[in-house]
Amino acid sequence: MSEFQYSESDLDAVYRVIYERRDMRHFVPSPVDQNVLRKLLNAAHKAPSVGLMQPWRFIRITDEALRKILYLCVQEEAKKTADALGERKQEFLRLKIEGILHCGELIVVALPPGRDKHIFGRRTLPEMDLASAACAIQNMWLAARAEGLGMGWVSIFDPAELSKLLSMPPGSHPIAILCLGHVKEFYSEPMLVTENWAEEKSLDEMLHENSWE
């Protein structure tokens, strides 16, 4: 046992929030406490980032008219995604893919311009800026679950359209629309599993040793 190890109860809480985190789509239209929201954003901001570049920007959507436009943007892309899925089109269209109109808070996460100047850790893996921003989102997701709030990551949108809509500077790149808010209950397992869209694979199917076999 390491001297730096957390207490048993703290360890249980850490693993519990990891296992109980869900990508939520169903929300109760109640406001999120602003102090809690600030805590969640701070948790996101404490994420690790390659070369300490902190490649995340958060745009909080408070204008209801703008929220409705974002919803329509997602619905338009959902139709195109459905067409691209071919024989699974109708199955996809039956899925609830977002909670934009009902969540308490709506936040867009984007990569900032000027990322190319950050070479540390990105010379051969430039996508590490995206990986770092994903860590920030995961931090926020876990903190939200611990606070009893649900969060869903929506990625079905046209990045160029969203950038224009939110007046993002050239070179920036939106990666997520986050729906955050109160829920009636958390899914017992991933929604795409309960909806028979996909099955979770076991760890052993992903784990190799010394070579990929």
N, C-alpha and C. Protein backbone atom coordinates (compact mmCIF):
# COMPACT_ATOMS: atom_id res chain seq x y z
N MET A 1 0.85 -1.20 0.00
CA MET A 1 0.00 0.00 0.00
C MET A 1 0.88 1.25 0.00
N SER A 2 0.56 2.17 -0.90
CA SER A 2 1.31 3.41 -0.98
C SER A 2 0.90 4.37 0.13
N GLU A 3 1.86 5.14 0.62
CA GLU A 3 1.55 6.14 1.64
C GLU A 3 0.67 7.26 1.08
N PHE A 4 0.60 7.34 -0.25
CA PHE A 4 -0.20 8.38 -0.88
C PHE A 4 -1.61 7.90 -1.23
N GLN A 5 -1.90 6.67 -0.92
CA GLN A 5 -3.22 6.13 -1.26
C GLN A 5 -4.33 6.79 -0.45
N TYR A 6 -5.48 6.99 -1.07
CA TYR A 6 -6.62 7.57 -0.38
C TYR A 6 -7.21 6.57 0.61
N SER A 7 -8.04 7.07 1.49
CA SER A 7 -8.74 6.20 2.43
C SER A 7 -9.70 5.29 1.65
N GLU A 8 -10.12 4.22 2.28
CA GLU A 8 -10.99 3.25 1.62
C GLU A 8 -12.29 3.91 1.15
N SER A 9 -12.87 4.78 1.99
CA SER A 9 -14.12 5.43 1.61
C SER A 9 -13.93 6.39 0.44
N ASP A 10 -12.79 7.09 0.43
CA ASP A 10 -12.51 8.00 -0.68
C ASP A 10 -12.28 7.22 -1.97
N LEU A 11 -11.58 6.10 -1.85
CA LEU A 11 -11.37 5.25 -3.02
C LEU A 11 -12.69 4.75 -3.58
N ASP A 12 -13.57 4.32 -2.69
CA ASP A 12 -14.89 3.84 -3.11
C ASP A 12 -15.65 4.92 -3.87
N ALA A 13 -15.55 6.17 -3.38
CA ALA A 13 -16.25 7.27 -4.03
C ALA A 13 -15.69 7.55 -5.42
N VAL A 14 -14.36 7.48 -5.55
CA VAL A 14 -13.73 7.72 -6.85
C VAL A 14 -14.19 6.68 -7.87
N TYR A 15 -14.09 5.42 -7.49
CA TYR A 15 -14.49 4.36 -8.42
C TYR A 15 -15.99 4.37 -8.68
N ARG A 16 -16.76 4.73 -7.67
CA ARG A 16 -18.21 4.77 -7.86
C ARG A 16 -18.61 5.79 -8.91
N VAL A 17 -18.03 6.99 -8.84
CA VAL A 17 -18.42 8.02 -9.80
C VAL A 17 -17.97 7.64 -11.21
N ILE A 18 -16.86 6.95 -11.33
CA ILE A 18 -16.40 6.50 -12.65
C ILE A 18 -17.39 5.50 -13.24
N TYR A 19 -17.81 4.54 -12.43
CA TYR A 19 -18.71 3.50 -12.93
C TYR A 19 -20.14 3.99 -13.13
N GLU A 20 -20.55 5.03 -12.39
CA GLU A 20 -21.93 5.50 -12.48
C GLU A 20 -22.11 6.67 -13.44
N ARG A 21 -21.02 7.18 -13.98
CA ARG A 21 -21.14 8.27 -14.97
C ARG A 21 -21.89 7.75 -16.20
N ARG A 22 -22.80 8.57 -16.70
CA ARG A 22 -23.57 8.21 -17.88
C ARG A 22 -23.67 9.39 -18.83
N ASP A 23 -23.79 9.09 -20.12
CA ASP A 23 -24.03 10.12 -21.14
C ASP A 23 -25.54 10.35 -21.17
N MET A 24 -25.98 11.41 -20.50
CA MET A 24 -27.41 11.62 -20.28
C MET A 24 -28.09 12.39 -21.41
N ARG A 25 -29.33 12.00 -21.68
CA ARG A 25 -30.14 12.65 -22.72
C ARG A 25 -31.47 13.18 -22.17
N HIS A 26 -31.87 12.70 -21.02
CA HIS A 26 -33.15 13.09 -20.44
C HIS A 26 -32.92 13.98 -19.22
N PHE A 27 -33.50 15.18 -19.24
CA PHE A 27 -33.27 16.15 -18.18
C PHE A 27 -34.56 16.72 -17.64
N VAL A 28 -34.48 17.23 -16.43
CA VAL A 28 -35.55 17.99 -15.80
C VAL A 28 -35.21 19.46 -15.97
N PRO A 29 -36.13 20.28 -16.52
CA PRO A 29 -35.81 21.69 -16.80
C PRO A 29 -35.75 22.56 -15.55
N SER A 30 -34.79 22.28 -14.70
CA SER A 30 -34.58 23.06 -13.48
C SER A 30 -33.21 23.73 -13.56
N PRO A 31 -33.06 24.91 -12.99
CA PRO A 31 -31.76 25.61 -13.06
C PRO A 31 -30.67 24.90 -12.27
N VAL A 32 -29.45 25.06 -12.74
CA VAL A 32 -28.28 24.52 -12.05
C VAL A 32 -27.73 25.61 -11.13
N ASP A 33 -27.46 25.27 -9.90
CA ASP A 33 -26.88 26.22 -8.95
C ASP A 33 -25.59 26.79 -9.54
N GLN A 34 -25.47 28.11 -9.55
CA GLN A 34 -24.33 28.75 -10.20
C GLN A 34 -23.00 28.49 -9.49
N ASN A 35 -23.05 28.29 -8.19
CA ASN A 35 -21.82 27.94 -7.48
C ASN A 35 -21.36 26.55 -7.87
N VAL A 36 -22.31 25.64 -8.06
CA VAL A 36 -21.98 24.28 -8.50
C VAL A 36 -21.43 24.32 -9.93
N LEU A 37 -22.05 25.10 -10.79
CA LEU A 37 -21.57 25.22 -12.16
C LEU A 37 -20.13 25.70 -12.19
N ARG A 38 -19.82 26.67 -11.35
CA ARG A 38 -18.44 27.18 -11.29
C ARG A 38 -17.48 26.09 -10.82
N LYS A 39 -17.91 25.29 -9.87
CA LYS A 39 -17.09 24.18 -9.39
C LYS A 39 -16.82 23.17 -10.51
N LEU A 40 -17.84 22.90 -11.31
CA LEU A 40 -17.69 21.94 -12.41
C LEU A 40 -16.73 22.47 -13.47
N LEU A 41 -16.85 23.74 -13.78
CA LEU A 41 -15.94 24.34 -14.77
C LEU A 41 -14.52 24.38 -14.25
N ASN A 42 -14.36 24.63 -12.95
CA ASN A 42 -13.02 24.59 -12.36
C ASN A 42 -12.44 23.18 -12.41
N ALA A 43 -13.30 22.19 -12.20
CA ALA A 43 -12.84 20.80 -12.30
C ALA A 43 -12.36 20.51 -13.71
N ALA A 44 -13.10 20.99 -14.70
CA ALA A 44 -12.68 20.81 -16.09
C ALA A 44 -11.34 21.49 -16.35
N HIS A 45 -11.20 22.68 -15.81
CA HIS A 45 -10.00 23.48 -16.03
C HIS A 45 -8.76 22.88 -15.35
N LYS A 46 -8.96 21.98 -14.41
CA LYS A 46 -7.84 21.31 -13.73
C LYS A 46 -7.37 20.06 -14.48
N ALA A 47 -7.91 19.82 -15.64
CA ALA A 47 -7.52 18.63 -16.41
C ALA A 47 -6.06 18.73 -16.86
N PRO A 48 -5.43 17.58 -17.06
CA PRO A 48 -4.07 17.59 -17.63
C PRO A 48 -4.13 18.02 -19.09
N SER A 49 -3.06 18.65 -19.57
CA SER A 49 -3.01 19.02 -20.99
C SER A 49 -1.58 18.93 -21.48
N VAL A 50 -1.44 18.54 -22.73
CA VAL A 50 -0.12 18.36 -23.32
C VAL A 50 0.62 19.70 -23.34
N GLY A 51 1.84 19.71 -22.80
CA GLY A 51 2.63 20.94 -22.78
C GLY A 51 1.99 22.05 -21.98
N LEU A 52 1.04 21.72 -21.13
CA LEU A 52 0.27 22.69 -20.35
C LEU A 52 -0.35 23.77 -21.25
N MET A 53 -0.82 23.34 -22.41
CA MET A 53 -1.39 24.31 -23.35
C MET A 53 -2.84 24.67 -23.03
N GLN A 54 -3.50 23.86 -22.20
CA GLN A 54 -4.90 24.12 -21.79
C GLN A 54 -5.78 24.47 -23.00
N PRO A 55 -5.93 23.53 -23.92
CA PRO A 55 -6.62 23.83 -25.18
C PRO A 55 -8.14 23.70 -25.10
N TRP A 56 -8.75 24.35 -24.13
CA TRP A 56 -10.20 24.30 -24.01
C TRP A 56 -10.76 25.71 -23.82
N ARG A 57 -11.86 25.95 -24.46
CA ARG A 57 -12.61 27.19 -24.27
C ARG A 57 -14.07 26.80 -24.06
N PHE A 58 -14.73 27.45 -23.10
CA PHE A 58 -16.11 27.13 -22.77
C PHE A 58 -17.01 28.31 -23.11
N ILE A 59 -18.06 28.05 -23.87
CA ILE A 59 -19.03 29.09 -24.22
C ILE A 59 -20.37 28.69 -23.61
N ARG A 60 -20.77 29.43 -22.61
CA ARG A 60 -22.05 29.15 -21.95
C ARG A 60 -23.19 29.78 -22.75
N ILE A 61 -24.18 28.99 -23.09
CA ILE A 61 -25.31 29.47 -23.88
C ILE A 61 -26.45 29.83 -22.93
N THR A 62 -26.73 31.13 -22.81
CA THR A 62 -27.79 31.59 -21.92
C THR A 62 -28.97 32.21 -22.68
N ASP A 63 -28.78 32.47 -23.96
CA ASP A 63 -29.83 33.05 -24.78
C ASP A 63 -30.74 31.92 -25.28
N GLU A 64 -32.02 31.97 -24.93
CA GLU A 64 -32.95 30.90 -25.28
C GLU A 64 -33.15 30.78 -26.79
N ALA A 65 -33.15 31.89 -27.50
CA ALA A 65 -33.30 31.84 -28.94
C ALA A 65 -32.11 31.12 -29.57
N LEU A 66 -30.91 31.40 -29.04
CA LEU A 66 -29.70 30.75 -29.54
C LEU A 66 -29.73 29.26 -29.22
N ARG A 67 -30.24 28.91 -28.06
CA ARG A 67 -30.36 27.49 -27.69
C ARG A 67 -31.22 26.75 -28.71
N LYS A 68 -32.32 27.37 -29.12
CA LYS A 68 -33.22 26.73 -30.08
C LYS A 68 -32.56 26.58 -31.45
N ILE A 69 -31.73 27.56 -31.82
CA ILE A 69 -30.99 27.46 -33.08
C ILE A 69 -29.99 26.31 -33.03
N LEU A 70 -29.31 26.16 -31.89
CA LEU A 70 -28.38 25.05 -31.72
C LEU A 70 -29.11 23.72 -31.84
N TYR A 71 -30.30 23.66 -31.26
CA TYR A 71 -31.11 22.45 -31.35
C TYR A 71 -31.41 22.11 -32.81
N LEU A 72 -31.80 23.11 -33.59
CA LEU A 72 -32.11 22.89 -34.99
C LEU A 72 -30.87 22.46 -35.78
N CYS A 73 -29.72 23.01 -35.42
CA CYS A 73 -28.46 22.61 -36.07
C CYS A 73 -28.18 21.13 -35.83
N VAL A 74 -28.40 20.69 -34.62
CA VAL A 74 -28.18 19.28 -34.28
C VAL A 74 -29.18 18.39 -35.01
N GLN A 75 -30.43 18.82 -35.08
CA GLN A 75 -31.45 18.02 -35.77
C GLN A 75 -31.13 17.90 -37.26
N GLU A 76 -30.63 18.96 -37.85
CA GLU A 76 -30.28 18.93 -39.27
C GLU A 76 -29.15 17.93 -39.52
N GLU A 77 -28.13 17.96 -38.66
CA GLU A 77 -27.02 17.01 -38.82
C GLU A 77 -27.48 15.59 -38.52
N ALA A 78 -28.43 15.44 -37.60
CA ALA A 78 -28.94 14.10 -37.27
C ALA A 78 -29.58 13.46 -38.49
N LYS A 79 -30.27 14.25 -39.31
CA LYS A 79 -30.88 13.72 -40.54
C LYS A 79 -29.80 13.22 -41.50
N LYS A 80 -28.72 13.98 -41.61
CA LYS A 80 -27.62 13.58 -42.50
C LYS A 80 -26.92 12.33 -41.97
N THR A 81 -26.76 12.28 -40.63
CA THR A 81 -26.16 11.09 -40.03
C THR A 81 -27.03 9.87 -40.27
N ALA A 82 -28.34 10.04 -40.14
CA ALA A 82 -29.27 8.94 -40.37
C ALA A 82 -29.16 8.42 -41.80
N ASP A 83 -29.08 9.35 -42.76
CA ASP A 83 -28.95 8.94 -44.16
C ASP A 83 -27.66 8.17 -44.39
N ALA A 84 -26.58 8.59 -43.71
CA ALA A 84 -25.28 7.94 -43.88
C ALA A 84 -25.24 6.55 -43.25
N LEU A 85 -26.17 6.28 -42.33
CA LEU A 85 -26.19 4.98 -41.64
C LEU A 85 -26.88 3.89 -42.45
N GLY A 86 -27.49 4.26 -43.56
CA GLY A 86 -28.08 3.25 -44.43
C GLY A 86 -29.20 2.46 -43.78
N GLU A 87 -29.00 1.16 -43.65
CA GLU A 87 -30.05 0.28 -43.16
C GLU A 87 -30.40 0.52 -41.69
N ARG A 88 -29.54 1.22 -40.96
CA ARG A 88 -29.85 1.51 -39.55
C ARG A 88 -30.48 2.90 -39.37
N LYS A 89 -30.89 3.52 -40.47
CA LYS A 89 -31.42 4.88 -40.43
C LYS A 89 -32.60 5.01 -39.48
N GLN A 90 -33.62 4.21 -39.65
CA GLN A 90 -34.81 4.33 -38.81
C GLN A 90 -34.51 4.01 -37.35
N GLU A 91 -33.62 3.06 -37.16
CA GLU A 91 -33.22 2.70 -35.80
C GLU A 91 -32.55 3.88 -35.11
N PHE A 92 -31.70 4.60 -35.87
CA PHE A 92 -31.02 5.77 -35.33
C PHE A 92 -32.01 6.89 -35.02
N LEU A 93 -32.96 7.12 -35.92
CA LEU A 93 -33.91 8.21 -35.76
C LEU A 93 -34.81 8.01 -34.54
N ARG A 94 -34.92 6.79 -34.06
CA ARG A 94 -35.73 6.54 -32.87
C ARG A 94 -34.97 6.86 -31.58
N LEU A 95 -33.65 7.01 -31.69
CA LEU A 95 -32.84 7.30 -30.50
C LEU A 95 -32.97 8.76 -30.08
N LYS A 96 -32.92 9.00 -28.79
CA LYS A 96 -32.83 10.38 -28.29
C LYS A 96 -31.35 10.71 -28.20
N ILE A 97 -30.91 11.67 -29.00
CA ILE A 97 -29.48 11.93 -29.10
C ILE A 97 -29.02 13.18 -28.36
N GLU A 98 -29.96 13.93 -27.78
CA GLU A 98 -29.58 15.17 -27.09
C GLU A 98 -30.69 15.60 -26.13
N GLY A 99 -30.34 16.55 -25.24
CA GLY A 99 -31.32 17.11 -24.32
C GLY A 99 -31.24 18.63 -24.30
N ILE A 100 -30.95 19.20 -25.46
CA ILE A 100 -30.63 20.62 -25.56
C ILE A 100 -31.73 21.54 -25.04
N LEU A 101 -32.98 21.22 -25.33
CA LEU A 101 -34.08 22.11 -24.97
C LEU A 101 -34.50 22.01 -23.51
N HIS A 102 -34.05 20.98 -22.81
CA HIS A 102 -34.53 20.75 -21.45
C HIS A 102 -33.47 20.82 -20.36
N CYS A 103 -32.21 20.77 -20.72
CA CYS A 103 -31.16 20.79 -19.70
C CYS A 103 -31.04 22.18 -19.07
N GLY A 104 -30.58 22.22 -17.83
CA GLY A 104 -30.45 23.49 -17.12
C GLY A 104 -29.37 24.39 -17.66
N GLU A 105 -28.28 23.80 -18.14
CA GLU A 105 -27.15 24.56 -18.70
C GLU A 105 -26.71 23.94 -20.02
N LEU A 106 -26.34 24.80 -20.94
CA LEU A 106 -25.83 24.36 -22.24
C LEU A 106 -24.48 25.02 -22.46
N ILE A 107 -23.46 24.22 -22.69
CA ILE A 107 -22.09 24.73 -22.81
C ILE A 107 -21.42 24.13 -24.04
N VAL A 108 -20.88 25.00 -24.87
CA VAL A 108 -20.11 24.56 -26.03
C VAL A 108 -18.63 24.57 -25.67
N VAL A 109 -17.94 23.49 -25.99
CA VAL A 109 -16.50 23.39 -25.74
C VAL A 109 -15.79 23.44 -27.09
N ALA A 110 -14.76 24.25 -27.17
CA ALA A 110 -14.03 24.42 -28.43
C ALA A 110 -12.53 24.46 -28.20
N LEU A 111 -11.80 24.06 -29.22
CA LEU A 111 -10.34 24.23 -29.23
C LEU A 111 -10.05 25.63 -29.73
N PRO A 112 -9.09 26.33 -29.14
CA PRO A 112 -8.80 27.71 -29.52
C PRO A 112 -7.92 27.78 -30.77
N PRO A 113 -7.83 28.95 -31.39
CA PRO A 113 -6.89 29.12 -32.50
C PRO A 113 -5.46 29.16 -31.98
N GLY A 114 -4.50 29.10 -32.91
CA GLY A 114 -3.09 29.20 -32.53
C GLY A 114 -2.52 27.95 -31.92
N ARG A 115 -3.17 26.80 -32.12
CA ARG A 115 -2.68 25.57 -31.48
C ARG A 115 -1.38 25.06 -32.08
N ASP A 116 -1.11 25.43 -33.32
CA ASP A 116 0.09 24.93 -33.99
C ASP A 116 1.39 25.41 -33.34
N LYS A 117 1.31 26.50 -32.60
CA LYS A 117 2.53 27.01 -31.96
C LYS A 117 2.95 26.14 -30.77
N HIS A 118 2.05 25.29 -30.32
CA HIS A 118 2.36 24.39 -29.20
C HIS A 118 2.96 23.09 -29.75
N ILE A 119 4.25 22.97 -29.67
CA ILE A 119 4.97 21.82 -30.23
C ILE A 119 5.18 20.72 -29.19
N PHE A 120 5.38 21.13 -27.94
CA PHE A 120 5.67 20.21 -26.84
C PHE A 120 4.60 19.11 -26.78
N GLY A 121 4.99 17.87 -27.10
CA GLY A 121 4.07 16.75 -27.04
C GLY A 121 3.16 16.61 -28.23
N ARG A 122 3.28 17.53 -29.22
CA ARG A 122 2.37 17.50 -30.36
C ARG A 122 3.10 17.44 -31.71
N ARG A 123 4.41 17.34 -31.70
CA ARG A 123 5.13 17.36 -32.98
C ARG A 123 4.73 16.18 -33.85
N THR A 124 4.60 15.01 -33.25
CA THR A 124 4.18 13.83 -34.01
C THR A 124 2.73 13.44 -33.73
N LEU A 125 2.15 14.01 -32.68
CA LEU A 125 0.77 13.72 -32.32
C LEU A 125 -0.02 15.01 -32.11
N PRO A 126 -0.28 15.74 -33.20
CA PRO A 126 -0.98 17.03 -33.06
C PRO A 126 -2.37 16.90 -32.47
N GLU A 127 -2.95 15.71 -32.56
CA GLU A 127 -4.30 15.51 -32.02
C GLU A 127 -4.35 15.50 -30.50
N MET A 128 -3.18 15.64 -29.85
CA MET A 128 -3.17 15.66 -28.39
C MET A 128 -3.87 16.88 -27.80
N ASP A 129 -4.08 17.91 -28.61
CA ASP A 129 -4.89 19.04 -28.12
C ASP A 129 -6.32 18.59 -27.90
N LEU A 130 -6.85 17.80 -28.82
CA LEU A 130 -8.19 17.26 -28.68
C LEU A 130 -8.27 16.29 -27.49
N ALA A 131 -7.23 15.47 -27.34
CA ALA A 131 -7.20 14.53 -26.22
C ALA A 131 -7.21 15.28 -24.89
N SER A 132 -6.49 16.38 -24.83
CA SER A 132 -6.43 17.17 -23.59
C SER A 132 -7.79 17.79 -23.28
N ALA A 133 -8.45 18.33 -24.30
CA ALA A 133 -9.77 18.92 -24.10
C ALA A 133 -10.78 17.85 -23.67
N ALA A 134 -10.62 16.64 -24.19
CA ALA A 134 -11.51 15.54 -23.79
C ALA A 134 -11.31 15.21 -22.31
N CYS A 135 -10.08 15.33 -21.83
CA CYS A 135 -9.82 15.12 -20.40
C CYS A 135 -10.58 16.15 -19.56
N ALA A 136 -10.63 17.39 -20.05
CA ALA A 136 -11.36 18.44 -19.33
C ALA A 136 -12.84 18.11 -19.26
N ILE A 137 -13.37 17.63 -20.37
CA ILE A 137 -14.79 17.27 -20.41
C ILE A 137 -15.06 16.10 -19.47
N GLN A 138 -14.16 15.12 -19.44
CA GLN A 138 -14.35 13.99 -18.54
C GLN A 138 -14.30 14.43 -17.08
N ASN A 139 -13.38 15.34 -16.75
CA ASN A 139 -13.34 15.88 -15.39
C ASN A 139 -14.70 16.47 -15.01
N MET A 140 -15.24 17.26 -15.90
CA MET A 140 -16.51 17.92 -15.66
C MET A 140 -17.64 16.89 -15.52
N TRP A 141 -17.59 15.86 -16.34
CA TRP A 141 -18.59 14.80 -16.33
C TRP A 141 -18.61 14.08 -14.98
N LEU A 142 -17.43 13.72 -14.50
CA LEU A 142 -17.34 13.00 -13.23
C LEU A 142 -17.77 13.89 -12.07
N ALA A 143 -17.35 15.16 -12.10
CA ALA A 143 -17.73 16.08 -11.03
C ALA A 143 -19.24 16.30 -11.04
N ALA A 144 -19.82 16.40 -12.23
CA ALA A 144 -21.27 16.58 -12.33
C ALA A 144 -22.00 15.39 -11.72
N ARG A 145 -21.53 14.19 -12.03
CA ARG A 145 -22.19 12.99 -11.47
C ARG A 145 -22.09 12.99 -9.94
N ALA A 146 -20.93 13.38 -9.43
CA ALA A 146 -20.75 13.43 -7.98
C ALA A 146 -21.69 14.46 -7.35
N GLU A 147 -22.00 15.53 -8.08
CA GLU A 147 -22.91 16.57 -7.60
C GLU A 147 -24.38 16.21 -7.82
N GLY A 148 -24.62 15.03 -8.41
CA GLY A 148 -25.99 14.60 -8.66
C GLY A 148 -26.60 15.18 -9.92
N LEU A 149 -25.75 15.70 -10.82
CA LEU A 149 -26.21 16.27 -12.08
C LEU A 149 -25.84 15.37 -13.24
N GLY A 150 -26.69 15.38 -14.26
CA GLY A 150 -26.39 14.61 -15.46
C GLY A 150 -25.72 15.47 -16.50
N MET A 151 -24.96 14.84 -17.39
CA MET A 151 -24.32 15.57 -18.48
C MET A 151 -24.29 14.68 -19.71
N GLY A 152 -24.51 15.28 -20.86
CA GLY A 152 -24.45 14.56 -22.12
C GLY A 152 -23.58 15.30 -23.11
N TRP A 153 -22.75 14.55 -23.83
CA TRP A 153 -21.86 15.13 -24.84
C TRP A 153 -22.51 14.96 -26.21
N VAL A 154 -22.89 16.06 -26.84
CA VAL A 154 -23.48 16.03 -28.18
C VAL A 154 -22.39 16.39 -29.19
N SER A 155 -22.18 15.51 -30.17
CA SER A 155 -21.16 15.77 -31.20
C SER A 155 -21.78 15.76 -32.60
N ILE A 156 -23.09 15.69 -32.66
CA ILE A 156 -23.77 15.66 -33.95
C ILE A 156 -24.11 17.09 -34.35
N PHE A 157 -23.16 17.74 -35.01
CA PHE A 157 -23.35 19.10 -35.51
C PHE A 157 -22.28 19.38 -36.55
N ASP A 158 -22.50 20.42 -37.33
CA ASP A 158 -21.52 20.86 -38.33
C ASP A 158 -20.59 21.86 -37.66
N PRO A 159 -19.30 21.54 -37.47
CA PRO A 159 -18.38 22.45 -36.78
C PRO A 159 -18.29 23.83 -37.41
N ALA A 160 -18.27 23.88 -38.75
CA ALA A 160 -18.16 25.18 -39.42
C ALA A 160 -19.40 26.03 -39.16
N GLU A 161 -20.57 25.40 -39.19
CA GLU A 161 -21.81 26.13 -38.93
C GLU A 161 -21.86 26.64 -37.49
N LEU A 162 -21.44 25.79 -36.55
CA LEU A 162 -21.46 26.19 -35.15
C LEU A 162 -20.45 27.31 -34.89
N SER A 163 -19.28 27.22 -35.50
CA SER A 163 -18.26 28.27 -35.35
C SER A 163 -18.79 29.61 -35.82
N LYS A 164 -19.46 29.62 -36.96
CA LYS A 164 -20.02 30.87 -37.49
C LYS A 164 -21.12 31.40 -36.58
N LEU A 165 -21.96 30.50 -36.10
CA LEU A 165 -23.09 30.90 -35.27
C LEU A 165 -22.63 31.55 -33.97
N LEU A 166 -21.52 31.07 -33.41
CA LEU A 166 -21.02 31.56 -32.13
C LEU A 166 -19.87 32.56 -32.28
N SER A 167 -19.64 33.02 -33.51
CA SER A 167 -18.61 34.04 -33.78
C SER A 167 -17.24 33.61 -33.27
N MET A 168 -16.90 32.37 -33.50
CA MET A 168 -15.58 31.87 -33.08
C MET A 168 -14.50 32.39 -34.02
N PRO A 169 -13.32 32.66 -33.50
CA PRO A 169 -12.24 33.18 -34.35
C PRO A 169 -11.73 32.11 -35.31
N PRO A 170 -11.15 32.52 -36.43
CA PRO A 170 -10.58 31.56 -37.38
C PRO A 170 -9.55 30.67 -36.69
N GLY A 171 -9.59 29.40 -37.00
CA GLY A 171 -8.64 28.46 -36.41
C GLY A 171 -9.17 27.75 -35.18
N SER A 172 -10.28 28.24 -34.61
CA SER A 172 -10.89 27.54 -33.48
C SER A 172 -11.71 26.37 -34.02
N HIS A 173 -12.08 25.46 -33.13
CA HIS A 173 -12.79 24.27 -33.59
C HIS A 173 -13.69 23.73 -32.48
N PRO A 174 -15.01 23.81 -32.62
CA PRO A 174 -15.91 23.28 -31.60
C PRO A 174 -15.90 21.75 -31.60
N ILE A 175 -15.89 21.17 -30.41
CA ILE A 175 -15.84 19.71 -30.32
C ILE A 175 -17.01 19.12 -29.53
N ALA A 176 -17.76 19.95 -28.83
CA ALA A 176 -18.82 19.39 -27.99
C ALA A 176 -19.88 20.43 -27.67
N ILE A 177 -21.12 19.97 -27.65
CA ILE A 177 -22.21 20.70 -27.02
C ILE A 177 -22.56 19.89 -25.78
N LEU A 178 -22.36 20.47 -24.61
CA LEU A 178 -22.60 19.74 -23.37
C LEU A 178 -23.94 20.13 -22.77
N CYS A 179 -24.80 19.14 -22.58
CA CYS A 179 -26.08 19.34 -21.90
C CYS A 179 -25.88 18.96 -20.44
N LEU A 180 -26.15 19.88 -19.55
CA LEU A 180 -25.90 19.68 -18.13
C LEU A 180 -27.15 20.03 -17.34
N GLY A 181 -27.52 19.17 -16.39
CA GLY A 181 -28.67 19.53 -15.58
C GLY A 181 -29.19 18.42 -14.69
N HIS A 182 -30.30 18.70 -14.05
CA HIS A 182 -30.94 17.75 -13.15
C HIS A 182 -31.65 16.66 -13.95
N VAL A 183 -31.71 15.48 -13.38
CA VAL A 183 -32.36 14.34 -14.04
C VAL A 183 -33.29 13.65 -13.04
N LYS A 184 -34.27 12.93 -13.56
CA LYS A 184 -35.16 12.16 -12.69
C LYS A 184 -34.43 10.93 -12.16
N GLU A 185 -33.58 10.36 -13.00
CA GLU A 185 -32.79 9.19 -12.60
C GLU A 185 -31.63 9.04 -13.57
N PHE A 186 -30.62 8.32 -13.14
CA PHE A 186 -29.48 8.02 -14.01
C PHE A 186 -29.69 6.65 -14.65
N TYR A 187 -29.27 6.52 -15.89
CA TYR A 187 -29.39 5.23 -16.56
C TYR A 187 -28.59 4.17 -15.80
N SER A 188 -29.14 2.98 -15.70
CA SER A 188 -28.44 1.90 -14.99
C SER A 188 -27.25 1.39 -15.80
N GLU A 189 -27.30 1.58 -17.11
CA GLU A 189 -26.19 1.24 -18.00
C GLU A 189 -26.25 2.19 -19.19
N PRO A 190 -25.24 2.24 -20.03
CA PRO A 190 -25.27 3.19 -21.14
C PRO A 190 -26.55 3.09 -21.96
N MET A 191 -27.11 4.24 -22.34
CA MET A 191 -28.39 4.26 -23.04
C MET A 191 -28.34 3.48 -24.35
N LEU A 192 -27.20 3.54 -25.04
CA LEU A 192 -27.10 2.83 -26.31
C LEU A 192 -27.11 1.32 -26.12
N VAL A 193 -26.80 0.88 -24.91
CA VAL A 193 -26.92 -0.55 -24.60
C VAL A 193 -28.38 -0.91 -24.36
N THR A 194 -29.06 -0.11 -23.54
CA THR A 194 -30.46 -0.40 -23.24
C THR A 194 -31.35 -0.27 -24.48
N GLU A 195 -30.92 0.59 -25.42
CA GLU A 195 -31.68 0.76 -26.66
C GLU A 195 -31.25 -0.24 -27.74
N ASN A 196 -30.36 -1.16 -27.37
CA ASN A 196 -29.91 -2.22 -28.29
C ASN A 196 -29.22 -1.67 -29.54
N TRP A 197 -28.57 -0.50 -29.37
CA TRP A 197 -27.80 0.05 -30.49
C TRP A 197 -26.42 -0.60 -30.56
N ALA A 198 -25.83 -0.85 -29.41
CA ALA A 198 -24.49 -1.43 -29.37
C ALA A 198 -24.32 -2.23 -28.08
N GLU A 199 -23.29 -3.06 -28.05
CA GLU A 199 -22.95 -3.82 -26.85
C GLU A 199 -21.57 -3.41 -26.38
N GLU A 200 -21.42 -3.32 -25.06
CA GLU A 200 -20.11 -3.01 -24.51
C GLU A 200 -19.19 -4.23 -24.61
N LYS A 201 -17.95 -3.97 -24.98
CA LYS A 201 -16.96 -5.04 -25.04
C LYS A 201 -16.25 -5.15 -23.69
N SER A 202 -15.69 -6.30 -23.44
CA SER A 202 -14.98 -6.52 -22.18
C SER A 202 -13.57 -5.94 -22.26
N LEU A 203 -12.99 -5.68 -21.10
CA LEU A 203 -11.62 -5.19 -21.03
C LEU A 203 -10.66 -6.16 -21.70
N ASP A 204 -10.86 -7.46 -21.50
CA ASP A 204 -9.94 -8.45 -22.06
C ASP A 204 -9.85 -8.38 -23.57
N GLU A 205 -10.91 -7.91 -24.23
CA GLU A 205 -10.88 -7.76 -25.69
C GLU A 205 -10.01 -6.59 -26.12
N MET A 206 -9.71 -5.69 -25.19
CA MET A 206 -8.94 -4.48 -25.49
C MET A 206 -7.51 -4.54 -24.97
N LEU A 207 -7.20 -5.58 -24.20
CA LEU A 207 -5.93 -5.63 -23.48
C LEU A 207 -4.95 -6.57 -24.16
N HIS A 208 -3.75 -6.07 -24.44
CA HIS A 208 -2.68 -6.86 -25.07
C HIS A 208 -1.42 -6.74 -24.24
N GLU A 209 -0.47 -7.59 -24.51
CA GLU A 209 0.80 -7.54 -23.80
C GLU A 209 1.97 -7.72 -24.76
N ASN A 210 2.84 -6.75 -24.76
CA ASN A 210 4.06 -6.74 -25.58
C ASN A 210 3.83 -6.54 -27.07
N SER A 211 2.73 -6.99 -27.60
CA SER A 211 2.42 -6.76 -29.01
C SER A 211 0.91 -6.84 -29.21
N TRP A 212 0.47 -6.34 -30.34
CA TRP A 212 -0.97 -6.34 -30.63
C TRP A 212 -1.31 -7.65 -31.33
N GLU A 213 -1.96 -8.53 -30.62
CA GLU A 213 -2.34 -9.82 -31.18
C GLU A 213 -3.81 -10.07 -30.94
